[in-house]
């Protein structure tokens, strides 16, 4: 299929530069990413990721009630008991990998 259609987008120049820097490191042209996004929109019949407003307040222990803190601690203990944990060496390696991008 010939690629003859164009998409013209107005966006923040700094956002564009940041994204293109990452894409350059990944050696992926921006046009490929746009094509991938459009293909996923068609395949999933919608936006292929969640669109939601982030929490107004990041997790802040000082802003939590005692009951909220207890619930978070209990959830953490349950996660450990269920094996939902990550090896610290893997986490550090992932942070280092991301920093090198």
Protein backbone atom coordinates (compact mmCIF):
# COMPACT_ATOMS: atom_id res chain seq x y z
CA UNK A 1 0.00 0.00 0.00
CA UNK A 2 1.45 3.38 -0.98
CA UNK A 3 1.91 5.84 1.83
CA UNK A 4 0.46 9.03 0.40
CA UNK A 5 -1.56 10.57 3.24
CA UNK A 6 -0.09 13.23 5.51
CA UNK A 7 -0.83 14.18 9.09
CA UNK A 8 -0.04 17.74 10.17
CA UNK A 9 0.13 18.31 13.92
CA UNK A 10 0.78 21.44 15.95
CA UNK A 11 2.55 20.72 19.21
CA UNK A 12 4.81 22.17 21.83
CA UNK A 13 8.33 22.40 20.33
CA UNK A 14 9.99 21.25 23.56
CA UNK A 15 7.74 18.18 23.79
CA UNK A 16 8.52 17.38 20.16
CA UNK A 17 12.26 17.72 20.75
CA UNK A 18 12.18 15.52 23.86
CA UNK A 19 10.17 12.81 22.11
CA UNK A 20 12.35 12.91 19.00
CA UNK A 21 15.51 12.60 21.13
CA UNK A 22 14.11 9.40 22.64
CA UNK A 23 12.99 8.09 19.25
CA UNK A 24 16.45 8.80 17.82
CA UNK A 25 18.04 6.72 20.57
CA UNK A 26 15.58 3.92 19.79
CA UNK A 27 16.29 4.39 16.07
CA UNK A 28 12.57 4.66 15.31
CA UNK A 29 11.34 7.39 12.93
CA UNK A 30 8.48 9.54 14.19
CA UNK A 31 6.41 8.51 11.16
CA UNK A 32 6.69 4.87 12.25
CA UNK A 33 5.40 5.76 15.72
CA UNK A 34 2.45 7.66 14.23
CA UNK A 35 1.64 4.70 11.99
CA UNK A 36 1.88 2.34 14.99
CA UNK A 37 -0.47 4.56 17.00
CA UNK A 38 -3.02 4.77 14.19
CA UNK A 39 -2.87 1.01 13.63
CA UNK A 40 -3.51 0.38 17.34
CA UNK A 41 -6.42 2.83 17.31
CA UNK A 42 -7.96 0.85 14.46
CA UNK A 43 -7.24 -2.55 16.03
CA UNK A 44 -8.59 -1.57 19.45
CA UNK A 45 -11.39 0.67 18.19
CA UNK A 46 -10.21 3.48 20.44
CA UNK A 47 -7.23 5.08 22.11
CA UNK A 48 -4.76 2.27 22.99
CA UNK A 49 -3.96 3.60 26.45
CA UNK A 50 -5.83 4.93 29.47
CA UNK A 51 -6.79 8.58 29.43
CA UNK A 52 -7.27 9.75 32.99
CA UNK A 53 -6.51 12.64 35.25
CA UNK A 54 -3.56 11.82 37.52
CA UNK A 55 -4.01 11.85 41.27
CA UNK A 56 -4.01 15.39 42.56
CA UNK A 57 -1.74 14.42 45.40
CA UNK A 58 1.07 11.93 45.09
CA UNK A 59 1.33 9.40 47.88
CA UNK A 60 2.41 11.42 50.91
CA UNK A 61 2.71 9.69 54.25
CA UNK A 62 2.27 13.00 56.10
CA UNK A 63 -1.11 13.55 54.40
CA UNK A 64 -2.42 10.05 55.15
CA UNK A 65 -4.68 9.14 58.02
CA UNK A 66 -3.58 6.36 60.31
CA UNK A 67 -6.19 4.07 58.71
CA UNK A 68 -4.91 4.88 55.19
CA UNK A 69 -1.32 4.20 56.24
CA UNK A 70 -2.33 0.94 57.91
CA UNK A 71 -4.18 -0.12 54.74
CA UNK A 72 -1.12 0.65 52.57
CA UNK A 73 1.17 -1.29 54.90
CA UNK A 74 -1.24 -4.23 54.93
CA UNK A 75 -1.36 -4.19 51.13
CA UNK A 76 2.44 -4.21 51.02
CA UNK A 77 2.62 -7.17 53.37
CA UNK A 78 0.00 -9.02 51.31
CA UNK A 79 2.00 -8.31 48.13
CA UNK A 80 5.16 -9.74 49.68
CA UNK A 81 3.35 -12.83 50.94
CA UNK A 82 1.82 -13.35 47.48
CA UNK A 83 5.22 -13.06 45.81
CA UNK A 84 4.45 -9.75 44.09
CA UNK A 85 7.96 -8.45 44.63
CA UNK A 86 10.92 -7.36 42.51
CA UNK A 87 14.58 -8.08 43.05
CA UNK A 88 16.45 -4.88 44.01
CA UNK A 89 19.26 -5.66 41.56
CA UNK A 90 16.72 -5.82 38.72
CA UNK A 91 15.21 -2.51 39.80
CA UNK A 92 18.62 -0.81 39.92
CA UNK A 93 19.52 -2.26 36.52
CA UNK A 94 16.26 -0.90 35.06
CA UNK A 95 16.91 2.58 36.49
CA UNK A 96 20.43 2.52 35.08
CA UNK A 97 19.11 1.38 31.70
CA UNK A 98 16.59 4.23 31.62
CA UNK A 99 19.24 6.76 32.62
CA UNK A 100 21.44 5.67 29.72
CA UNK A 101 18.69 6.31 27.12
